[in-house]
PDB file of N, CA and C in Angstrom:
ATOM      1  N   MET A   1     -52.639  17.529  72.042  1.00  0.00           N
ATOM      2  CA  MET A   1     -53.079  18.814  71.506  1.00  0.00           C
ATOM      3  C   MET A   1     -54.518  18.689  71.011  1.00  0.00           C
ATOM      4  N   THR A   2     -55.241  19.734  71.215  1.00  0.00           N
ATOM      5  CA  THR A   2     -56.619  19.742  70.755  1.00  0.00           C
ATOM      6  C   THR A   2     -56.686  20.203  69.307  1.00  0.00           C
ATOM      7  N   ILE A   3     -57.840  20.018  68.716  1.00  0.00           N
ATOM      8  CA  ILE A   3     -58.043  20.448  67.330  1.00  0.00           C
ATOM      9  C   ILE A   3     -57.883  21.956  67.222  1.00  0.00           C
ATOM     10  N   ALA A   4     -58.398  22.681  68.204  1.00  0.00           N
ATOM     11  CA  ALA A   4     -58.300  24.144  68.169  1.00  0.00           C
ATOM     12  C   ALA A   4     -56.852  24.603  68.204  1.00  0.00           C
ATOM     13  N   SER A   5     -56.041  23.990  69.048  1.00  0.00           N
ATOM     14  CA  SER A   5     -54.641  24.417  69.129  1.00  0.00           C
ATOM     15  C   SER A   5     -53.882  24.075  67.850  1.00  0.00           C
ATOM     16  N   ILE A   6     -54.203  22.953  67.231  1.00  0.00           N
ATOM     17  CA  ILE A   6     -53.567  22.597  65.958  1.00  0.00           C
ATOM     18  C   ILE A   6     -53.947  23.596  64.874  1.00  0.00           C
ATOM     19  N   LEU A   7     -55.229  23.936  64.803  1.00  0.00           N
ATOM     20  CA  LEU A   7     -55.686  24.900  63.795  1.00  0.00           C
ATOM     21  C   LEU A   7     -55.086  26.283  64.025  1.00  0.00           C
ATOM     22  N   VAL A   8     -55.057  26.716  65.268  1.00  0.00           N
ATOM     23  CA  VAL A   8     -54.496  28.035  65.583  1.00  0.00           C
ATOM     24  C   VAL A   8     -53.003  28.064  65.280  1.00  0.00           C
ATOM     25  N   THR A   9     -52.300  26.985  65.580  1.00  0.00           N
ATOM     26  CA  THR A   9     -50.869  26.915  65.278  1.00  0.00           C
ATOM     27  C   THR A   9     -50.624  26.955  63.775  1.00  0.00           C
ATOM     28  N   ALA A  10     -51.384  26.175  63.017  1.00  0.00           N
ATOM     29  CA  ALA A  10     -51.233  26.166  61.557  1.00  0.00           C
ATOM     30  C   ALA A  10     -51.558  27.532  60.968  1.00  0.00           C
ATOM     31  N   LEU A  11     -52.613  28.154  61.470  1.00  0.00           N
ATOM     32  CA  LEU A  11     -52.983  29.484  60.996  1.00  0.00           C
ATOM     33  C   LEU A  11     -51.908  30.504  61.352  1.00  0.00           C
ATOM     34  N   GLY A  12     -51.325  30.376  62.530  1.00  0.00           N
ATOM     35  CA  GLY A  12     -50.251  31.276  62.946  1.00  0.00           C
ATOM     36  C   GLY A  12     -49.019  31.142  62.074  1.00  0.00           C
ATOM     37  N   ILE A  13     -48.672  29.919  61.714  1.00  0.00           N
ATOM     38  CA  ILE A  13     -47.522  29.705  60.827  1.00  0.00           C
ATOM     39  C   ILE A  13     -47.795  30.311  59.461  1.00  0.00           C
ATOM     40  N   PHE A  14     -48.994  30.095  58.935  1.00  0.00           N
ATOM     41  CA  PHE A  14     -49.360  30.674  57.637  1.00  0.00           C
ATOM     42  C   PHE A  14     -49.297  32.195  57.688  1.00  0.00           C
ATOM     43  N   TYR A  15     -49.817  32.779  58.760  1.00  0.00           N
ATOM     44  CA  TYR A  15     -49.794  34.230  58.941  1.00  0.00           C
ATOM     45  C   TYR A  15     -48.363  34.754  58.979  1.00  0.00           C
ATOM     46  N   GLN A  16     -47.492  34.095  59.723  1.00  0.00           N
ATOM     47  CA  GLN A  16     -46.106  34.548  59.843  1.00  0.00           C
ATOM     48  C   GLN A  16     -45.358  34.437  58.521  1.00  0.00           C
ATOM     49  N   VAL A  17     -45.586  33.356  57.784  1.00  0.00           N
ATOM     50  CA  VAL A  17     -44.933  33.193  56.478  1.00  0.00           C
ATOM     51  C   VAL A  17     -45.385  34.289  55.530  1.00  0.00           C
ATOM     52  N   LEU A  18     -46.683  34.568  55.520  1.00  0.00           N
ATOM     53  CA  LEU A  18     -47.213  35.602  54.631  1.00  0.00           C
ATOM     54  C   LEU A  18     -46.704  36.988  55.016  1.00  0.00           C
ATOM     55  N   ALA A  19     -46.688  37.301  56.294  1.00  0.00           N
ATOM     56  CA  ALA A  19     -46.184  38.601  56.747  1.00  0.00           C
ATOM     57  C   ALA A  19     -44.699  38.745  56.425  1.00  0.00           C
ATOM     58  N   PHE A  20     -43.937  37.680  56.607  1.00  0.00           N
ATOM     59  CA  PHE A  20     -42.510  37.710  56.301  1.00  0.00           C
ATOM     60  C   PHE A  20     -42.289  37.866  54.797  1.00  0.00           C
ATOM     61  N   ALA A  21     -43.107  37.206  53.989  1.00  0.00           N
ATOM     62  CA  ALA A  21     -42.984  37.328  52.531  1.00  0.00           C
ATOM     63  C   ALA A  21     -43.268  38.759  52.077  1.00  0.00           C
ATOM     64  N   ILE A  22     -44.240  39.420  52.697  1.00  0.00           N
ATOM     65  CA  ILE A  22     -44.533  40.816  52.357  1.00  0.00           C
ATOM     66  C   ILE A  22     -43.353  41.704  52.734  1.00  0.00           C
ATOM     67  N   LEU A  23     -42.768  41.473  53.902  1.00  0.00           N
ATOM     68  CA  LEU A  23     -41.592  42.239  54.314  1.00  0.00           C
ATOM     69  C   LEU A  23     -40.426  42.010  53.348  1.00  0.00           C
ATOM     70  N   ILE A  24     -40.181  40.776  52.978  1.00  0.00           N
ATOM     71  CA  ILE A  24     -39.105  40.459  52.035  1.00  0.00           C
ATOM     72  C   ILE A  24     -39.363  41.130  50.690  1.00  0.00           C
ATOM     73  N   ARG A  25     -40.615  41.142  50.255  1.00  0.00           N
ATOM     74  CA  ARG A  25     -40.924  41.787  48.977  1.00  0.00           C
ATOM     75  C   ARG A  25     -40.650  43.284  49.040  1.00  0.00           C
ATOM     76  N   CYS A  26     -40.953  43.911  50.147  1.00  0.00           N
ATOM     77  CA  CYS A  26     -40.647  45.338  50.303  1.00  0.00           C
ATOM     78  C   CYS A  26     -39.144  45.579  50.219  1.00  0.00           C
ATOM     79  N   ILE A  27     -38.382  44.744  50.896  1.00  0.00           N
ATOM     80  CA  ILE A  27     -36.924  44.893  50.862  1.00  0.00           C
ATOM     81  C   ILE A  27     -36.396  44.635  49.457  1.00  0.00           C
ATOM     82  N   LEU A  28     -36.921  43.613  48.787  1.00  0.00           N
ATOM     83  CA  LEU A  28     -36.467  43.294  47.430  1.00  0.00           C
ATOM     84  C   LEU A  28     -36.780  44.415  46.439  1.00  0.00           C
ATOM     85  N   SER A  29     -37.822  45.191  46.716  1.00  0.00           N
ATOM     86  CA  SER A  29     -38.170  46.279  45.793  1.00  0.00           C
ATOM     87  C   SER A  29     -37.114  47.381  45.804  1.00  0.00           C
ATOM     88  N   TRP A  30     -36.299  47.438  46.841  1.00  0.00           N
ATOM     89  CA  TRP A  30     -35.234  48.441  46.919  1.00  0.00           C
ATOM     90  C   TRP A  30     -33.929  47.957  46.307  1.00  0.00           C
ATOM     91  N   LEU A  31     -33.829  46.663  46.063  1.00  0.00           N
ATOM     92  CA  LEU A  31     -32.587  46.080  45.557  1.00  0.00           C
ATOM     93  C   LEU A  31     -32.641  45.907  44.037  1.00  0.00           C
ATOM     94  N   PRO A  32     -31.492  46.018  43.380  1.00  0.00           N
ATOM     95  CA  PRO A  32     -31.470  45.874  41.916  1.00  0.00           C
ATOM     96  C   PRO A  32     -31.441  44.405  41.483  1.00  0.00           C
ATOM     97  N   ILE A  33     -32.502  43.682  41.829  1.00  0.00           N
ATOM     98  CA  ILE A  33     -32.613  42.275  41.446  1.00  0.00           C
ATOM     99  C   ILE A  33     -33.743  42.165  40.430  1.00  0.00           C
ATOM    100  N   GLY A  34     -33.497  41.467  39.341  1.00  0.00           N
ATOM    101  CA  GLY A  34     -34.510  41.310  38.304  1.00  0.00           C
ATOM    102  C   GLY A  34     -35.647  40.408  38.747  1.00  0.00           C
ATOM    103  N   ARG A  35     -36.802  40.599  38.143  1.00  0.00           N
ATOM    104  CA  ARG A  35     -37.972  39.797  38.480  1.00  0.00           C
ATOM    105  C   ARG A  35     -37.872  38.373  37.946  1.00  0.00           C
ATOM    106  N   ASP A  36     -36.841  38.091  37.158  1.00  0.00           N
ATOM    107  CA  ASP A  36     -36.663  36.736  36.652  1.00  0.00           C
ATOM    108  C   ASP A  36     -35.865  35.858  37.620  1.00  0.00           C
ATOM    109  N   ASN A  37     -35.391  36.420  38.714  1.00  0.00           N
ATOM    110  CA  ASN A  37     -34.686  35.676  39.748  1.00  0.00           C
ATOM    111  C   ASN A  37     -35.654  34.686  40.400  1.00  0.00           C
ATOM    112  N   PHE A  38     -35.200  33.471  40.655  1.00  0.00           N
ATOM    113  CA  PHE A  38     -36.057  32.422  41.206  1.00  0.00           C
ATOM    114  C   PHE A  38     -36.650  32.824  42.558  1.00  0.00           C
ATOM    115  N   PHE A  39     -35.828  33.359  43.454  1.00  0.00           N
ATOM    116  CA  PHE A  39     -36.290  33.770  44.778  1.00  0.00           C
ATOM    117  C   PHE A  39     -37.336  34.879  44.675  1.00  0.00           C
ATOM    118  N   VAL A  40     -37.090  35.842  43.796  1.00  0.00           N
ATOM    119  CA  VAL A  40     -38.034  36.949  43.607  1.00  0.00           C
ATOM    120  C   VAL A  40     -39.360  36.416  43.073  1.00  0.00           C
ATOM    121  N   ARG A  41     -39.307  35.478  42.142  1.00  0.00           N
ATOM    122  CA  ARG A  41     -40.547  34.913  41.592  1.00  0.00           C
ATOM    123  C   ARG A  41     -41.368  34.203  42.664  1.00  0.00           C
ATOM    124  N   ILE A  42     -40.705  33.509  43.580  1.00  0.00           N
ATOM    125  CA  ILE A  42     -41.429  32.835  44.664  1.00  0.00           C
ATOM    126  C   ILE A  42     -42.104  33.856  45.575  1.00  0.00           C
ATOM    127  N   VAL A  43     -41.374  34.888  45.953  1.00  0.00           N
ATOM    128  CA  VAL A  43     -41.928  35.912  46.848  1.00  0.00           C
ATOM    129  C   VAL A  43     -43.087  36.641  46.168  1.00  0.00           C
ATOM    130  N   VAL A  44     -42.933  36.974  44.892  1.00  0.00           N
ATOM    131  CA  VAL A  44     -44.008  37.650  44.158  1.00  0.00           C
ATOM    132  C   VAL A  44     -45.222  36.734  44.040  1.00  0.00           C
ATOM    133  N   ALA A  45     -45.005  35.456  43.767  1.00  0.00           N
ATOM    134  CA  ALA A  45     -46.124  34.516  43.655  1.00  0.00           C
ATOM    135  C   ALA A  45     -46.888  34.388  44.971  1.00  0.00           C
ATOM    136  N   LEU A  46     -46.196  34.490  46.093  1.00  0.00           N
ATOM    137  CA  LEU A  46     -46.858  34.414  47.397  1.00  0.00           C
ATOM    138  C   LEU A  46     -47.619  35.684  47.754  1.00  0.00           C
ATOM    139  N   THR A  47     -47.093  36.824  47.350  1.00  0.00           N
ATOM    140  CA  THR A  47     -47.658  38.093  47.821  1.00  0.00           C
ATOM    141  C   THR A  47     -48.570  38.799  46.822  1.00  0.00           C
ATOM    142  N   GLU A  48     -48.400  38.562  45.552  1.00  0.00           N
ATOM    143  CA  GLU A  48     -49.178  39.307  44.554  1.00  0.00           C
ATOM    144  C   GLU A  48     -50.689  39.081  44.651  1.00  0.00           C
ATOM    145  N   PRO A  49     -51.167  37.866  44.984  1.00  0.00           N
ATOM    146  CA  PRO A  49     -52.621  37.710  45.138  1.00  0.00           C
ATOM    147  C   PRO A  49     -53.219  38.606  46.219  1.00  0.00           C
ATOM    148  N   ILE A  50     -52.420  39.062  47.152  1.00  0.00           N
ATOM    149  CA  ILE A  50     -52.900  39.960  48.203  1.00  0.00           C
ATOM    150  C   ILE A  50     -52.617  41.415  47.847  1.00  0.00           C
ATOM    151  N   LEU A  51     -51.401  41.694  47.400  1.00  0.00           N
ATOM    152  CA  LEU A  51     -51.007  43.078  47.134  1.00  0.00           C
ATOM    153  C   LEU A  51     -51.660  43.646  45.875  1.00  0.00           C
ATOM    154  N   GLY A  52     -51.860  42.823  44.855  1.00  0.00           N
ATOM    155  CA  GLY A  52     -52.435  43.303  43.596  1.00  0.00           C
ATOM    156  C   GLY A  52     -53.810  43.945  43.757  1.00  0.00           C
ATOM    157  N   PRO A  53     -54.776  43.236  44.364  1.00  0.00           N
ATOM    158  CA  PRO A  53     -56.098  43.846  44.558  1.00  0.00           C
ATOM    159  C   PRO A  53     -56.066  45.104  45.430  1.00  0.00           C
ATOM    160  N   ILE A  54     -55.196  45.113  46.431  1.00  0.00           N
ATOM    161  CA  ILE A  54     -55.091  46.302  47.287  1.00  0.00           C
ATOM    162  C   ILE A  54     -54.547  47.473  46.486  1.00  0.00           C
ATOM    163  N   ARG A  55     -53.553  47.225  45.632  1.00  0.00           N
ATOM    164  CA  ARG A  55     -53.019  48.295  44.772  1.00  0.00           C
ATOM    165  C   ARG A  55     -54.097  48.852  43.848  1.00  0.00           C
ATOM    166  N   ARG A  56     -54.908  47.961  43.285  1.00  0.00           N
ATOM    167  CA  ARG A  56     -55.977  48.425  42.387  1.00  0.00           C
ATOM    168  C   ARG A  56     -57.008  49.255  43.147  1.00  0.00           C
ATOM    169  N   LEU A  57     -57.334  48.859  44.368  1.00  0.00           N
ATOM    170  CA  LEU A  57     -58.271  49.649  45.179  1.00  0.00           C
ATOM    171  C   LEU A  57     -57.692  51.015  45.520  1.00  0.00           C
ATOM    172  N   ILE A  58     -56.420  51.054  45.844  1.00  0.00           N
ATOM    173  CA  ILE A  58     -55.773  52.333  46.152  1.00  0.00           C
ATOM    174  C   ILE A  58     -55.750  53.219  44.917  1.00  0.00           C
ATOM    175  N   ALA A  59     -55.477  52.638  43.754  1.00  0.00           N
ATOM    176  CA  ALA A  59     -55.423  53.423  42.516  1.00  0.00           C
ATOM    177  C   ALA A  59     -56.782  54.029  42.180  1.00  0.00           C
ATOM    178  N   LYS A  60     -57.870  53.335  42.530  1.00  0.00           N
ATOM    179  CA  LYS A  60     -59.211  53.847  42.243  1.00  0.00           C
ATOM    180  C   LYS A  60     -59.679  54.874  43.273  1.00  0.00           C
ATOM    181  N   SER A  61     -59.025  54.923  44.421  1.00  0.00           N
ATOM    182  CA  SER A  61     -59.455  55.837  45.472  1.00  0.00           C
ATOM    183  C   SER A  61     -59.016  57.262  45.149  1.00  0.00           C
ATOM    184  N   PRO A  62     -59.609  58.256  45.806  1.00  0.00           N
ATOM    185  CA  PRO A  62     -59.205  59.646  45.568  1.00  0.00           C
ATOM    186  C   PRO A  62     -57.739  59.905  45.916  1.00  0.00           C
ATOM    187  N   LEU A  63     -57.184  59.147  46.836  1.00  0.00           N
ATOM    188  CA  LEU A  63     -55.784  59.320  47.205  1.00  0.00           C
ATOM    189  C   LEU A  63     -54.849  58.625  46.226  1.00  0.00           C
ATOM    190  N   GLY A  64     -55.367  57.706  45.484  1.00  0.00           N
ATOM    191  CA  GLY A  64     -54.636  56.752  44.678  1.00  0.00           C
ATOM    192  C   GLY A  64     -53.639  57.239  43.683  1.00  0.00           C
ATOM    193  N   GLY A  65     -53.862  56.964  42.454  1.00  0.00           N
ATOM    194  CA  GLY A  65     -53.033  57.121  41.296  1.00  0.00           C
ATOM    195  C   GLY A  65     -51.669  57.742  41.405  1.00  0.00           C
ATOM    196  N   GLY A  66     -51.528  58.941  41.943  1.00  0.00           N
ATOM    197  CA  GLY A  66     -50.265  59.648  41.855  1.00  0.00           C
ATOM    198  C   GLY A  66     -49.343  59.515  43.045  1.00  0.00           C
ATOM    199  N   MET A  67     -49.601  58.574  43.933  1.00  0.00           N
ATOM    200  CA  MET A  67     -48.733  58.454  45.111  1.00  0.00           C
ATOM    201  C   MET A  67     -47.371  57.889  44.721  1.00  0.00           C
ATOM    202  N   MET A  68     -46.341  58.428  45.328  1.00  0.00           N
ATOM    203  CA  MET A  68     -44.978  57.985  45.049  1.00  0.00           C
ATOM    204  C   MET A  68     -44.602  56.735  45.853  1.00  0.00           C
ATOM    205  N   ILE A  69     -45.286  56.502  46.957  1.00  0.00           N
ATOM    206  CA  ILE A  69     -44.980  55.366  47.822  1.00  0.00           C
ATOM    207  C   ILE A  69     -46.122  54.365  47.736  1.00  0.00           C
ATOM    208  N   ASP A  70     -45.773  53.095  47.636  1.00  0.00           N
ATOM    209  CA  ASP A  70     -46.765  52.025  47.588  1.00  0.00           C
ATOM    210  C   ASP A  70     -47.116  51.611  49.018  1.00  0.00           C
ATOM    211  N   PHE A  71     -48.325  51.957  49.433  1.00  0.00           N
ATOM    212  CA  PHE A  71     -48.767  51.625  50.783  1.00  0.00           C
ATOM    213  C   PHE A  71     -49.481  50.282  50.855  1.00  0.00           C
ATOM    214  N   SER A  72     -49.581  49.572  49.737  1.00  0.00           N
ATOM    215  CA  SER A  72     -50.303  48.304  49.743  1.00  0.00           C
ATOM    216  C   SER A  72     -49.702  47.264  50.692  1.00  0.00           C
ATOM    217  N   PRO A  73     -48.377  47.171  50.876  1.00  0.00           N
ATOM    218  CA  PRO A  73     -47.879  46.202  51.863  1.00  0.00           C
ATOM    219  C   PRO A  73     -48.315  46.516  53.295  1.00  0.00           C
ATOM    220  N   VAL A  74     -48.374  47.778  53.638  1.00  0.00           N
ATOM    221  CA  VAL A  74     -48.804  48.166  54.987  1.00  0.00           C
ATOM    222  C   VAL A  74     -50.272  47.807  55.187  1.00  0.00           C
ATOM    223  N   ILE A  75     -51.094  48.152  54.212  1.00  0.00           N
ATOM    224  CA  ILE A  75     -52.522  47.834  54.288  1.00  0.00           C
ATOM    225  C   ILE A  75     -52.722  46.327  54.314  1.00  0.00           C
ATOM    226  N   ALA A  76     -51.967  45.600  53.487  1.00  0.00           N
ATOM    227  CA  ALA A  76     -52.076  44.138  53.450  1.00  0.00           C
ATOM    228  C   ALA A  76     -51.705  43.531  54.795  1.00  0.00           C
ATOM    229  N   TYR A  77     -50.650  44.039  55.410  1.00  0.00           N
ATOM    230  CA  TYR A  77     -50.243  43.503  56.709  1.00  0.00           C
ATOM    231  C   TYR A  77     -51.347  43.700  57.750  1.00  0.00           C
ATOM    232  N   PHE A  78     -51.909  44.897  57.820  1.00  0.00           N
ATOM    233  CA  PHE A  78     -52.975  45.145  58.791  1.00  0.00           C
ATOM    234  C   PHE A  78     -54.212  44.305  58.481  1.00  0.00           C
ATOM    235  N   LEU A  79     -54.526  44.136  57.210  1.00  0.00           N
ATOM    236  CA  LEU A  79     -55.674  43.324  56.813  1.00  0.00           C
ATOM    237  C   LEU A  79     -55.455  41.851  57.172  1.00  0.00           C
ATOM    238  N   ILE A  80     -54.271  41.337  56.899  1.00  0.00           N
ATOM    239  CA  ILE A  80     -53.957  39.948  57.236  1.00  0.00           C
ATOM    240  C   ILE A  80     -53.993  39.746  58.752  1.00  0.00           C
ATOM    241  N   ASP A  81     -53.464  40.696  59.495  1.00  0.00           N
ATOM    242  CA  ASP A  81     -53.480  40.609  60.955  1.00  0.00           C
ATOM    243  C   ASP A  81     -54.908  40.610  61.489  1.00  0.00           C
ATOM    244  N   PHE A  82     -55.741  41.470  60.923  1.00  0.00           N
ATOM    245  CA  PHE A  82     -57.141  41.561  61.334  1.00  0.00           C
ATOM    246  C   PHE A  82     -57.866  40.240  61.070  1.00  0.00           C
ATOM    247  N   VAL A  83     -57.692  39.689  59.876  1.00  0.00           N
ATOM    248  CA  VAL A  83     -58.334  38.418  59.521  1.00  0.00           C
ATOM    249  C   VAL A  83     -57.809  37.290  60.406  1.00  0.00           C
ATOM    250  N   TYR A  84     -56.517  37.286  60.663  1.00  0.00           N
ATOM    251  CA  TYR A  84     -55.927  36.257  61.530  1.00  0.00           C
ATOM    252  C   TYR A  84     -56.558  36.291  62.918  1.00  0.00           C
ATOM    253  N   ARG A  85     -56.665  37.467  63.495  1.00  0.00           N
ATOM    254  CA  ARG A  85     -57.228  37.585  64.845  1.00  0.00           C
ATOM    255  C   ARG A  85     -58.693  37.145  64.882  1.00  0.00           C
ATOM    256  N   ILE A  86     -59.448  37.498  63.852  1.00  0.00           N
ATOM    257  CA  ILE A  86     -60.854  37.080  63.795  1.00  0.00           C
ATOM    258  C   ILE A  86     -60.956  35.561  63.678  1.00  0.00           C
ATOM    259  N   LEU A  87     -60.147  34.971  62.793  1.00  0.00           N
ATOM    260  CA  LEU A  87     -60.190  33.520  62.619  1.00  0.00           C
ATOM    261  C   LEU A  87     -59.783  32.777  63.886  1.00  0.00           C
ATOM    262  N   VAL A  88     -58.804  33.291  64.600  1.00  0.00           N
ATOM    263  CA  VAL A  88     -58.399  32.651  65.858  1.00  0.00           C
ATOM    264  C   VAL A  88     -59.543  32.692  66.860  1.00  0.00           C
ATOM    265  N   ARG A  89     -60.220  33.810  66.958  1.00  0.00           N
ATOM    266  CA  ARG A  89     -61.352  33.906  67.894  1.00  0.00           C
ATOM    267  C   ARG A  89     -62.483  32.965  67.495  1.00  0.00           C
ATOM    268  N   ILE A  90     -62.736  32.853  66.189  1.00  0.00           N
ATOM    269  CA  ILE A  90     -63.781  31.937  65.720  1.00  0.00           C
ATOM    270  C   ILE A  90     -63.402  30.496  66.049  1.00  0.00           C
ATOM    271  N   ILE A  91     -62.161  30.127  65.780  1.00  0.00           N
ATOM    272  CA  ILE A  91     -61.713  28.755  66.064  1.00  0.00           C
ATOM    273  C   ILE A  91     -61.823  28.454  67.552  1.00  0.00           C
ATOM    274  N   ILE A  92     -61.396  29.381  68.384  1.00  0.00           N
ATOM    275  CA  ILE A  92     -61.449  29.162  69.835  1.00  0.00           C
ATOM    276  C   ILE A  92     -62.893  29.063  70.324  1.00  0.00           C
ATOM    277  N   SER A  93     -63.780  29.867  69.744  1.00  0.00           N
ATOM    278  CA  SER A  93     -65.174  29.822  70.195  1.00  0.00           C
ATOM    279  C   SER A  93     -65.892  28.554  69.728  1.00  0.00           C
ATOM    280  N   ILE A  94     -65.469  27.992  68.598  1.00  0.00           N
ATOM    281  CA  ILE A  94     -66.113  26.773  68.098  1.00  0.00           C
ATOM    282  C   ILE A  94     -65.641  25.543  68.867  1.00  0.00           C
ATOM    283  N   PHE A  95     -64.349  25.472  69.128  1.00  0.00           N
ATOM    284  CA  PHE A  95     -63.796  24.266  69.768  1.00  0.00           C
ATOM    285  C   PHE A  95     -63.621  24.526  71.221  1.00  0.00           C
TER     286      PHE A  95
END
């Protein structure tokens, strides 16, 4: 395996874990599980560094504050996908 394929594979695994964690967090938000649950704390610790800033940006926007649905996971997923695709292209072009 080349260095590029190793990097792309590692980046792909990281991307999939993060996307899956965001999906799990969305599902957990519908369930009556407390935030003190060990599994919930792990998922929140993985996703909050991404979702928190996006939520704050949405709250400051004209559409923000009063929305009943949290769109930050959707925006985070598209943002992570966009960054992943750019990084893969950069890695492939370098190596």
